[in-house]
Amino acid sequence: MKPKAFVAISTGSLLLLMSCSSPANLEQETDVPTQESTTSAPESTEETAQEDAASPSSNGNASDTQTTASTIKVEIANNRMGMDRTEADTGLVSFNIRNDSKKRMRVFLLRTDLPGDQIPFQDDNNIDIEDPAVKRVGRPETNPLPVGESSVLERKLRPGNYVLIAYAPKRIADAVTQEITIHASKP
């Protein structure tokens, strides 16, 4: 075979292969079944949203979807927590949290009927999420929250009683809390 003919055939074959594997062809549906990933999702941790609170990007029914969040401003200062309001309606609730204390703070939203000063904790300075009276709902994007910083905690909440708790790492006995009530939305 002459070298020019070989190059032409090789080039033609290469172009044919490239056109068969172009991104446009790869995006087409095929009848070949795809293998699903066999890796499992990581186990839920205490910081993940639980059954009664979904992230804002969750797919709920159209009638359950709220386009605007109720916003609650939260300020954590030395030995206290203040909020501009302690009630909101069912749906998307956004807590804008600012840490003006002298220490970085761990912050969690809990669903519980217990008063804030009766939240159970373990000896290892963690909230006792094994206690059936407490469910961890979420935490802000930045946790622990550095001194002078702000972060957002946004969740879709059901009617009920909640507690926002903040404490310096390994200092849960000195936690500050604020109780929040979520009311059923009126039709």
N, C-alpha and C. Protein backbone atom coordinates (compact mmCIF):
# COMPACT_ATOMS: atom_id res chain seq x y z
N MET A 1 0.85 -1.17 0.00
CA MET A 1 0.00 0.00 0.00
C MET A 1 0.89 1.23 0.00
N LYS A 2 0.49 2.22 -0.77
CA LYS A 2 1.26 3.44 -0.87
C LYS A 2 1.04 4.28 0.39
N PRO A 3 2.08 5.01 0.81
CA PRO A 3 1.97 5.80 2.05
C PRO A 3 0.83 6.80 2.01
N LYS A 4 0.56 7.47 0.87
CA LYS A 4 -0.52 8.45 0.82
C LYS A 4 -1.87 7.77 1.00
N ALA A 5 -2.05 6.58 0.40
CA ALA A 5 -3.31 5.85 0.54
C ALA A 5 -3.49 5.42 2.00
N PHE A 6 -2.41 4.99 2.66
CA PHE A 6 -2.49 4.57 4.05
C PHE A 6 -2.89 5.74 4.94
N VAL A 7 -2.29 6.90 4.70
CA VAL A 7 -2.62 8.09 5.48
C VAL A 7 -4.08 8.47 5.25
N ALA A 8 -4.56 8.40 4.05
CA ALA A 8 -5.94 8.77 3.74
C ALA A 8 -6.91 7.82 4.43
N ILE A 9 -6.62 6.52 4.36
CA ILE A 9 -7.49 5.53 5.01
C ILE A 9 -7.44 5.71 6.52
N SER A 10 -6.27 5.92 7.07
CA SER A 10 -6.12 6.12 8.51
C SER A 10 -6.85 7.37 8.96
N THR A 11 -6.70 8.44 8.22
CA THR A 11 -7.37 9.69 8.56
C THR A 11 -8.87 9.52 8.48
N GLY A 12 -9.36 8.86 7.43
CA GLY A 12 -10.80 8.62 7.27
C GLY A 12 -11.34 7.78 8.42
N SER A 13 -10.61 6.75 8.82
CA SER A 13 -11.03 5.89 9.93
C SER A 13 -11.07 6.69 11.22
N LEU A 14 -10.06 7.50 11.42
CA LEU A 14 -10.00 8.32 12.62
C LEU A 14 -11.17 9.30 12.68
N LEU A 15 -11.48 9.94 11.58
CA LEU A 15 -12.61 10.86 11.53
C LEU A 15 -13.93 10.14 11.78
N LEU A 16 -14.08 8.95 11.23
CA LEU A 16 -15.28 8.15 11.45
C LEU A 16 -15.43 7.80 12.93
N LEU A 17 -14.34 7.39 13.56
CA LEU A 17 -14.38 7.09 14.99
C LEU A 17 -14.73 8.32 15.82
N MET A 18 -14.14 9.44 15.47
CA MET A 18 -14.40 10.67 16.22
C MET A 18 -15.85 11.10 16.08
N SER A 19 -16.43 10.94 14.90
CA SER A 19 -17.81 11.37 14.72
C SER A 19 -18.76 10.46 15.47
N CYS A 20 -18.40 9.20 15.64
CA CYS A 20 -19.26 8.25 16.38
C CYS A 20 -19.20 8.51 17.87
N SER A 21 -18.11 9.11 18.35
CA SER A 21 -17.98 9.32 19.78
C SER A 21 -18.07 10.79 20.16
N SER A 22 -18.67 11.60 19.31
CA SER A 22 -18.80 13.03 19.62
C SER A 22 -19.76 13.21 20.79
N PRO A 23 -19.63 14.31 21.53
CA PRO A 23 -20.52 14.55 22.66
C PRO A 23 -21.99 14.50 22.26
N ALA A 24 -22.32 14.93 21.06
CA ALA A 24 -23.73 14.90 20.64
C ALA A 24 -24.22 13.47 20.56
N ASN A 25 -23.40 12.55 20.07
CA ASN A 25 -23.80 11.16 19.99
C ASN A 25 -23.83 10.49 21.36
N LEU A 26 -22.94 10.90 22.23
CA LEU A 26 -22.91 10.31 23.56
C LEU A 26 -24.13 10.69 24.38
N GLU A 27 -24.75 11.82 24.11
CA GLU A 27 -25.91 12.28 24.86
C GLU A 27 -27.19 11.58 24.44
N GLN A 28 -27.18 10.88 23.32
CA GLN A 28 -28.39 10.21 22.86
C GLN A 28 -28.70 9.03 23.75
N GLU A 29 -29.97 8.75 23.92
CA GLU A 29 -30.39 7.62 24.73
C GLU A 29 -30.06 6.33 23.99
N THR A 30 -29.71 5.33 24.73
CA THR A 30 -29.43 4.02 24.15
C THR A 30 -30.26 2.99 24.89
N ASP A 31 -30.35 1.81 24.30
CA ASP A 31 -31.08 0.74 24.95
C ASP A 31 -30.20 -0.05 25.89
N VAL A 32 -28.94 0.32 25.98
CA VAL A 32 -28.02 -0.39 26.85
C VAL A 32 -28.25 0.10 28.27
N PRO A 33 -28.55 -0.83 29.19
CA PRO A 33 -28.79 -0.39 30.56
C PRO A 33 -27.51 0.15 31.17
N THR A 34 -27.66 1.18 31.99
CA THR A 34 -26.50 1.73 32.67
C THR A 34 -26.43 1.15 34.06
N GLN A 35 -25.23 1.01 34.55
CA GLN A 35 -25.05 0.46 35.88
C GLN A 35 -25.19 1.59 36.88
N GLU A 36 -26.01 1.37 37.91
CA GLU A 36 -26.17 2.38 38.95
C GLU A 36 -25.00 2.30 39.90
N SER A 37 -24.72 3.39 40.53
CA SER A 37 -23.63 3.43 41.47
C SER A 37 -23.91 2.50 42.64
N THR A 38 -22.91 1.78 43.04
CA THR A 38 -23.09 0.86 44.16
C THR A 38 -22.63 1.47 45.46
N THR A 39 -22.13 2.71 45.41
CA THR A 39 -21.72 3.34 46.65
C THR A 39 -22.95 3.89 47.33
N SER A 40 -23.01 3.68 48.61
CA SER A 40 -24.18 4.18 49.34
C SER A 40 -23.91 5.59 49.82
N ALA A 41 -25.00 6.30 50.06
CA ALA A 41 -24.88 7.66 50.57
C ALA A 41 -24.35 7.58 51.99
N PRO A 42 -23.61 8.58 52.42
CA PRO A 42 -23.11 8.54 53.78
C PRO A 42 -24.27 8.54 54.77
N GLU A 43 -24.04 7.90 55.90
CA GLU A 43 -25.09 7.87 56.91
C GLU A 43 -25.40 9.28 57.35
N SER A 44 -26.64 9.47 57.77
CA SER A 44 -27.03 10.78 58.27
C SER A 44 -26.21 11.10 59.50
N THR A 45 -25.83 12.35 59.59
CA THR A 45 -25.14 12.80 60.78
C THR A 45 -26.09 13.67 61.56
N GLU A 46 -25.70 14.00 62.76
CA GLU A 46 -26.59 14.79 63.58
C GLU A 46 -26.80 16.18 63.01
N GLU A 47 -25.93 16.62 62.10
CA GLU A 47 -26.09 17.95 61.53
C GLU A 47 -27.02 17.99 60.33
N THR A 48 -27.45 16.84 59.82
CA THR A 48 -28.28 16.85 58.63
C THR A 48 -29.73 17.13 58.99
N ALA A 49 -30.45 17.66 58.03
CA ALA A 49 -31.87 17.91 58.24
C ALA A 49 -32.57 16.58 58.39
N GLN A 50 -33.56 16.53 59.24
CA GLN A 50 -34.26 15.29 59.49
C GLN A 50 -35.65 15.33 58.89
N GLU A 51 -36.44 14.33 59.23
CA GLU A 51 -37.74 14.08 58.63
C GLU A 51 -38.64 15.31 58.59
N ASP A 52 -38.67 16.09 59.64
CA ASP A 52 -39.64 17.17 59.69
C ASP A 52 -39.10 18.49 59.14
N ALA A 53 -37.95 18.50 58.52
CA ALA A 53 -37.45 19.71 57.91
C ALA A 53 -36.68 19.34 56.66
N ALA A 54 -37.01 19.97 55.56
CA ALA A 54 -36.32 19.70 54.30
C ALA A 54 -35.56 20.93 53.89
N SER A 55 -34.52 20.74 53.11
CA SER A 55 -33.77 21.88 52.63
C SER A 55 -34.62 22.66 51.65
N PRO A 56 -34.30 23.92 51.43
CA PRO A 56 -35.11 24.75 50.55
C PRO A 56 -35.18 24.23 49.13
N SER A 57 -34.23 23.40 48.74
CA SER A 57 -34.25 22.90 47.37
C SER A 57 -35.00 21.58 47.25
N SER A 58 -35.64 21.16 48.34
CA SER A 58 -36.36 19.89 48.26
C SER A 58 -37.55 20.01 47.33
N ASN A 59 -37.95 18.88 46.77
CA ASN A 59 -39.08 18.87 45.85
C ASN A 59 -40.34 18.53 46.60
N GLY A 60 -41.09 19.53 46.96
CA GLY A 60 -42.36 19.31 47.62
C GLY A 60 -43.48 19.50 46.61
N ASN A 61 -44.69 19.30 47.05
CA ASN A 61 -45.83 19.56 46.18
C ASN A 61 -45.91 21.05 45.89
N ALA A 62 -46.48 21.38 44.76
CA ALA A 62 -46.59 22.80 44.39
C ALA A 62 -47.35 23.56 45.45
N SER A 63 -48.34 22.93 46.06
CA SER A 63 -49.12 23.62 47.07
C SER A 63 -48.32 23.83 48.35
N ASP A 64 -47.27 23.01 48.57
CA ASP A 64 -46.44 23.15 49.75
C ASP A 64 -45.30 24.14 49.55
N THR A 65 -45.03 24.50 48.33
CA THR A 65 -43.89 25.33 48.03
C THR A 65 -44.17 26.78 48.37
N GLN A 66 -43.24 27.39 49.09
CA GLN A 66 -43.34 28.79 49.43
C GLN A 66 -42.19 29.49 48.74
N THR A 67 -42.49 30.53 47.97
CA THR A 67 -41.44 31.15 47.18
C THR A 67 -40.59 32.12 48.00
N THR A 68 -41.13 32.69 49.05
CA THR A 68 -40.34 33.60 49.86
C THR A 68 -40.21 33.04 51.27
N ALA A 69 -39.06 33.26 51.84
CA ALA A 69 -38.80 32.74 53.18
C ALA A 69 -39.21 33.77 54.22
N SER A 70 -39.70 33.27 55.34
CA SER A 70 -39.85 34.13 56.51
C SER A 70 -38.44 34.31 57.05
N THR A 71 -38.06 35.52 57.35
CA THR A 71 -36.71 35.78 57.82
C THR A 71 -36.73 36.17 59.29
N ILE A 72 -35.85 35.54 60.05
CA ILE A 72 -35.69 35.85 61.46
C ILE A 72 -34.23 36.24 61.67
N LYS A 73 -34.02 37.45 62.18
CA LYS A 73 -32.66 37.91 62.45
C LYS A 73 -32.27 37.49 63.86
N VAL A 74 -31.08 36.89 63.96
CA VAL A 74 -30.59 36.36 65.23
C VAL A 74 -29.24 36.99 65.54
N GLU A 75 -29.07 37.44 66.79
CA GLU A 75 -27.78 37.97 67.23
C GLU A 75 -27.35 37.20 68.46
N ILE A 76 -26.16 36.64 68.37
CA ILE A 76 -25.58 35.94 69.51
C ILE A 76 -24.53 36.85 70.10
N ALA A 77 -24.69 37.17 71.37
CA ALA A 77 -23.71 38.00 72.08
C ALA A 77 -23.32 37.24 73.34
N ASN A 78 -22.45 37.80 74.12
CA ASN A 78 -21.96 37.11 75.30
C ASN A 78 -23.11 36.75 76.24
N ASN A 79 -23.28 35.46 76.44
CA ASN A 79 -24.26 34.89 77.36
C ASN A 79 -25.72 35.21 77.03
N ARG A 80 -26.00 35.52 75.76
CA ARG A 80 -27.40 35.74 75.38
C ARG A 80 -27.59 35.56 73.88
N MET A 81 -28.86 35.35 73.51
CA MET A 81 -29.24 35.27 72.11
C MET A 81 -30.50 36.11 71.94
N GLY A 82 -30.51 36.96 70.94
CA GLY A 82 -31.68 37.78 70.67
C GLY A 82 -32.19 37.53 69.26
N MET A 83 -33.52 37.66 69.11
CA MET A 83 -34.16 37.49 67.80
C MET A 83 -35.13 38.65 67.59
N ASP A 84 -35.31 39.03 66.33
CA ASP A 84 -36.28 40.09 66.06
C ASP A 84 -37.72 39.58 66.15
N ARG A 85 -37.89 38.26 66.10
CA ARG A 85 -39.20 37.65 66.34
C ARG A 85 -39.01 36.18 66.64
N THR A 86 -39.97 35.60 67.35
CA THR A 86 -39.86 34.21 67.77
C THR A 86 -40.99 33.36 67.22
N GLU A 87 -41.71 33.87 66.23
CA GLU A 87 -42.79 33.13 65.60
C GLU A 87 -42.72 33.32 64.09
N ALA A 88 -43.15 32.28 63.37
CA ALA A 88 -43.22 32.35 61.90
C ALA A 88 -44.27 31.34 61.45
N ASP A 89 -44.67 31.44 60.19
CA ASP A 89 -45.62 30.50 59.62
C ASP A 89 -44.88 29.33 58.99
N THR A 90 -45.60 28.23 58.85
CA THR A 90 -45.08 27.03 58.20
C THR A 90 -44.49 27.38 56.84
N GLY A 91 -43.44 26.72 56.48
CA GLY A 91 -42.81 26.91 55.18
C GLY A 91 -41.35 27.24 55.34
N LEU A 92 -40.81 27.90 54.36
CA LEU A 92 -39.40 28.23 54.34
C LEU A 92 -39.10 29.32 55.36
N VAL A 93 -38.19 29.03 56.28
CA VAL A 93 -37.79 29.99 57.30
C VAL A 93 -36.28 30.16 57.20
N SER A 94 -35.85 31.40 57.16
CA SER A 94 -34.44 31.73 57.04
C SER A 94 -33.98 32.44 58.31
N PHE A 95 -33.01 31.84 58.99
CA PHE A 95 -32.43 32.46 60.18
C PHE A 95 -31.12 33.12 59.76
N ASN A 96 -31.06 34.45 59.84
CA ASN A 96 -29.83 35.19 59.54
C ASN A 96 -29.13 35.40 60.88
N ILE A 97 -28.05 34.66 61.09
CA ILE A 97 -27.41 34.58 62.40
C ILE A 97 -26.08 35.34 62.40
N ARG A 98 -25.90 36.20 63.39
CA ARG A 98 -24.66 36.96 63.55
C ARG A 98 -24.05 36.63 64.91
N ASN A 99 -22.75 36.33 64.91
CA ASN A 99 -22.04 36.02 66.15
C ASN A 99 -21.26 37.24 66.62
N ASP A 100 -21.80 37.94 67.60
CA ASP A 100 -21.12 39.09 68.19
C ASP A 100 -20.55 38.76 69.57
N SER A 101 -20.42 37.46 69.85
CA SER A 101 -19.83 37.06 71.13
C SER A 101 -18.31 37.11 71.00
N LYS A 102 -17.63 36.72 72.06
CA LYS A 102 -16.16 36.73 72.04
C LYS A 102 -15.57 35.38 71.65
N LYS A 103 -16.46 34.39 71.33
CA LYS A 103 -16.00 33.05 70.97
C LYS A 103 -16.73 32.57 69.73
N ARG A 104 -16.09 31.69 68.97
CA ARG A 104 -16.82 31.08 67.86
C ARG A 104 -17.89 30.18 68.46
N MET A 105 -19.01 30.07 67.76
CA MET A 105 -20.18 29.39 68.32
C MET A 105 -20.69 28.30 67.39
N ARG A 106 -21.05 27.16 67.98
CA ARG A 106 -21.76 26.11 67.25
C ARG A 106 -23.24 26.46 67.38
N VAL A 107 -23.98 26.36 66.29
CA VAL A 107 -25.40 26.74 66.29
C VAL A 107 -26.21 25.62 65.64
N PHE A 108 -27.31 25.24 66.29
CA PHE A 108 -28.19 24.20 65.76
C PHE A 108 -29.64 24.57 66.00
N LEU A 109 -30.49 24.18 65.07
CA LEU A 109 -31.93 24.32 65.23
C LEU A 109 -32.47 22.94 65.59
N LEU A 110 -33.24 22.89 66.67
CA LEU A 110 -33.81 21.64 67.15
C LEU A 110 -35.32 21.72 67.14
N ARG A 111 -35.96 20.59 66.87
CA ARG A 111 -37.41 20.51 67.01
C ARG A 111 -37.67 19.79 68.33
N THR A 112 -38.35 20.46 69.25
CA THR A 112 -38.59 19.89 70.57
C THR A 112 -39.67 20.68 71.28
N ASP A 113 -40.35 20.00 72.18
CA ASP A 113 -41.31 20.68 73.05
C ASP A 113 -40.67 21.05 74.39
N LEU A 114 -39.40 20.71 74.56
CA LEU A 114 -38.70 21.05 75.79
C LEU A 114 -38.33 22.53 75.80
N PRO A 115 -38.34 23.15 76.97
CA PRO A 115 -37.82 24.53 77.05
C PRO A 115 -36.32 24.53 76.73
N GLY A 116 -35.82 25.64 76.28
CA GLY A 116 -34.42 25.75 75.88
C GLY A 116 -33.44 25.35 76.96
N ASP A 117 -33.77 25.62 78.22
CA ASP A 117 -32.84 25.30 79.30
C ASP A 117 -32.89 23.83 79.73
N GLN A 118 -33.73 23.02 79.07
CA GLN A 118 -33.83 21.60 79.40
C GLN A 118 -33.39 20.69 78.25
N ILE A 119 -32.70 21.24 77.28
CA ILE A 119 -32.19 20.43 76.16
C ILE A 119 -31.17 19.44 76.72
N PRO A 120 -31.36 18.15 76.47
CA PRO A 120 -30.41 17.17 77.00
C PRO A 120 -29.10 17.17 76.22
N PHE A 121 -28.00 17.02 76.94
CA PHE A 121 -26.72 16.89 76.27
C PHE A 121 -25.92 15.77 76.89
N GLN A 122 -24.96 15.29 76.11
CA GLN A 122 -24.13 14.18 76.54
C GLN A 122 -22.90 14.72 77.26
N ASP A 123 -22.21 13.85 77.95
CA ASP A 123 -21.00 14.25 78.66
C ASP A 123 -19.91 14.76 77.73
N ASP A 124 -19.96 14.33 76.47
CA ASP A 124 -18.92 14.74 75.53
C ASP A 124 -19.25 16.07 74.83
N ASN A 125 -20.09 16.88 75.48
CA ASN A 125 -20.40 18.23 75.01
C ASN A 125 -21.13 18.27 73.67
N ASN A 126 -22.02 17.32 73.45
CA ASN A 126 -22.87 17.32 72.27
C ASN A 126 -24.33 17.25 72.71
N ILE A 127 -25.21 17.72 71.86
CA ILE A 127 -26.64 17.58 72.10
C ILE A 127 -26.99 16.11 72.02
N ASP A 128 -27.81 15.64 72.94
CA ASP A 128 -28.19 14.23 72.96
C ASP A 128 -29.29 13.99 71.93
N ILE A 129 -28.89 13.69 70.69
CA ILE A 129 -29.89 13.49 69.63
C ILE A 129 -30.54 12.12 69.70
N GLU A 130 -30.05 11.27 70.60
CA GLU A 130 -30.68 9.97 70.81
C GLU A 130 -31.95 10.13 71.65
N ASP A 131 -32.07 11.24 72.35
CA ASP A 131 -33.25 11.50 73.17
C ASP A 131 -34.44 11.72 72.24
N PRO A 132 -35.53 10.96 72.41
CA PRO A 132 -36.67 11.09 71.50
C PRO A 132 -37.38 12.45 71.59
N ALA A 133 -37.08 13.23 72.61
CA ALA A 133 -37.72 14.54 72.75
C ALA A 133 -37.04 15.62 71.91
N VAL A 134 -35.93 15.27 71.26
CA VAL A 134 -35.15 16.27 70.51
C VAL A 134 -34.83 15.73 69.12
N LYS A 135 -35.09 16.53 68.10
CA LYS A 135 -34.66 16.20 66.74
C LYS A 135 -33.85 17.36 66.21
N ARG A 136 -32.65 17.05 65.70
CA ARG A 136 -31.84 18.09 65.10
C ARG A 136 -32.37 18.35 63.70
N VAL A 137 -32.65 19.62 63.42
CA VAL A 137 -33.24 20.00 62.14
C VAL A 137 -32.21 20.56 61.19
N GLY A 138 -31.27 21.34 61.68
CA GLY A 138 -30.27 21.91 60.79
C GLY A 138 -29.28 22.78 61.51
N ARG A 139 -28.36 23.32 60.73
CA ARG A 139 -27.33 24.21 61.23
C ARG A 139 -27.03 25.24 60.15
N PRO A 140 -26.41 26.35 60.52
CA PRO A 140 -26.08 27.35 59.49
C PRO A 140 -25.00 26.84 58.54
N GLU A 141 -24.85 27.55 57.44
CA GLU A 141 -23.87 27.17 56.43
C GLU A 141 -22.46 27.11 57.01
N THR A 142 -22.14 28.04 57.92
CA THR A 142 -20.83 28.08 58.57
C THR A 142 -21.04 27.67 60.02
N ASN A 143 -20.40 26.58 60.43
CA ASN A 143 -20.58 26.10 61.80
C ASN A 143 -19.33 25.35 62.23
N PRO A 144 -18.61 25.78 63.26
CA PRO A 144 -18.91 26.87 64.15
C PRO A 144 -18.78 28.22 63.46
N LEU A 145 -19.56 29.15 63.96
CA LEU A 145 -19.63 30.49 63.40
C LEU A 145 -18.55 31.36 64.05
N PRO A 146 -17.59 31.86 63.25
CA PRO A 146 -16.51 32.67 63.81
C PRO A 146 -17.02 33.99 64.41
N VAL A 147 -16.22 34.54 65.30
CA VAL A 147 -16.52 35.81 65.94
C VAL A 147 -16.66 36.90 64.87
N GLY A 148 -17.72 37.69 64.98
CA GLY A 148 -17.94 38.81 64.05
C GLY A 148 -18.50 38.40 62.70
N GLU A 149 -18.78 37.14 62.50
CA GLU A 149 -19.28 36.64 61.21
C GLU A 149 -20.78 36.38 61.26
N SER A 150 -21.37 36.28 60.07
CA SER A 150 -22.78 35.94 59.92
C SER A 150 -22.92 34.72 59.04
N SER A 151 -24.02 34.00 59.22
CA SER A 151 -24.31 32.84 58.39
C SER A 151 -25.83 32.65 58.36
N VAL A 152 -26.28 31.82 57.42
CA VAL A 152 -27.71 31.60 57.24
C VAL A 152 -28.04 30.13 57.50
N LEU A 153 -29.15 29.93 58.17
CA LEU A 153 -29.74 28.60 58.35
C LEU A 153 -31.13 28.70 57.75
N GLU A 154 -31.38 27.93 56.70
CA GLU A 154 -32.66 28.01 56.00
C GLU A 154 -33.25 26.62 55.88
N ARG A 155 -34.49 26.47 56.34
CA ARG A 155 -35.17 25.18 56.30
C ARG A 155 -36.67 25.39 56.07
N LYS A 156 -37.27 24.37 55.50
CA LYS A 156 -38.73 24.33 55.37
C LYS A 156 -39.23 23.68 56.65
N LEU A 157 -40.00 24.42 57.45
CA LEU A 157 -40.40 23.95 58.76
C LEU A 157 -41.89 23.67 58.84
N ARG A 158 -42.22 22.65 59.58
CA ARG A 158 -43.60 22.28 59.87
C ARG A 158 -44.06 23.01 61.13
N PRO A 159 -45.36 23.04 61.38
CA PRO A 159 -45.83 23.65 62.62
C PRO A 159 -45.24 22.91 63.82
N GLY A 160 -44.92 23.65 64.84
CA GLY A 160 -44.40 23.03 66.06
C GLY A 160 -43.49 23.97 66.81
N ASN A 161 -42.84 23.41 67.82
CA ASN A 161 -41.92 24.17 68.67
C ASN A 161 -40.49 23.81 68.34
N TYR A 162 -39.66 24.82 68.27
CA TYR A 162 -38.26 24.67 67.93
C TYR A 162 -37.41 25.45 68.92
N VAL A 163 -36.15 25.07 69.03
CA VAL A 163 -35.19 25.80 69.85
C VAL A 163 -33.94 26.01 69.02
N LEU A 164 -33.46 27.25 68.98
CA LEU A 164 -32.17 27.55 68.38
C LEU A 164 -31.18 27.58 69.54
N ILE A 165 -30.12 26.81 69.42
CA ILE A 165 -29.12 26.70 70.50
C ILE A 165 -27.75 27.10 69.96
N ALA A 166 -26.99 27.83 70.78
CA ALA A 166 -25.64 28.25 70.39
C ALA A 166 -24.72 28.07 71.59
N TYR A 167 -23.54 27.53 71.30
CA TYR A 167 -22.57 27.33 72.38
C TYR A 167 -21.16 27.29 71.80
N ALA A 168 -20.20 27.68 72.61
CA ALA A 168 -18.81 27.58 72.20
C ALA A 168 -18.44 26.10 72.18
N PRO A 169 -17.62 25.67 71.23
CA PRO A 169 -17.23 24.26 71.19
C PRO A 169 -16.72 23.78 72.55
N LYS A 170 -17.23 22.62 72.96
CA LYS A 170 -16.89 21.98 74.23
C LYS A 170 -17.38 22.77 75.44
N ARG A 171 -18.34 23.66 75.23
CA ARG A 171 -18.89 24.46 76.33
C ARG A 171 -20.42 24.44 76.29
N ILE A 172 -21.01 23.28 76.02
CA ILE A 172 -22.47 23.20 75.88
C ILE A 172 -23.20 23.57 77.17
N ALA A 173 -22.55 23.39 78.31
CA ALA A 173 -23.19 23.76 79.58
C ALA A 173 -23.46 25.26 79.64
N ASP A 174 -22.75 26.04 78.84
CA ASP A 174 -22.95 27.49 78.80
C ASP A 174 -23.79 27.94 77.61
N ALA A 175 -24.54 27.02 77.03
CA ALA A 175 -25.32 27.31 75.81
C ALA A 175 -26.36 28.40 76.07
N VAL A 176 -26.60 29.17 75.01
CA VAL A 176 -27.72 30.12 75.02
C VAL A 176 -28.76 29.59 74.03
N THR A 177 -30.02 29.80 74.36
CA THR A 177 -31.10 29.25 73.54
C THR A 177 -32.19 30.28 73.31
N GLN A 178 -32.96 30.03 72.30
CA GLN A 178 -34.14 30.85 72.03
C GLN A 178 -35.22 29.92 71.46
N GLU A 179 -36.41 29.99 72.02
CA GLU A 179 -37.52 29.17 71.56
C GLU A 179 -38.25 29.86 70.42
N ILE A 180 -38.69 29.06 69.43
CA ILE A 180 -39.38 29.56 68.24
C ILE A 180 -40.64 28.71 68.04
N THR A 181 -41.73 29.35 67.68
CA THR A 181 -42.96 28.64 67.38
C THR A 181 -43.29 28.82 65.91
N ILE A 182 -43.54 27.72 65.23
CA ILE A 182 -43.94 27.75 63.83
C ILE A 182 -45.43 27.41 63.77
N HIS A 183 -46.21 28.34 63.23
CA HIS A 183 -47.67 28.18 63.16
C HIS A 183 -48.07 27.63 61.80
N ALA A 184 -49.18 26.91 61.79
CA ALA A 184 -49.73 26.41 60.53
C ALA A 184 -50.13 27.61 59.68
N SER A 185 -49.80 27.55 58.41
CA SER A 185 -50.18 28.63 57.48
C SER A 185 -51.68 28.66 57.31
N LYS A 186 -52.20 29.85 57.19
CA LYS A 186 -53.63 29.99 56.97
C LYS A 186 -53.92 29.88 55.47
N PRO A 187 -54.98 29.15 55.10
CA PRO A 187 -55.28 28.96 53.67
C PRO A 187 -55.64 30.25 52.97
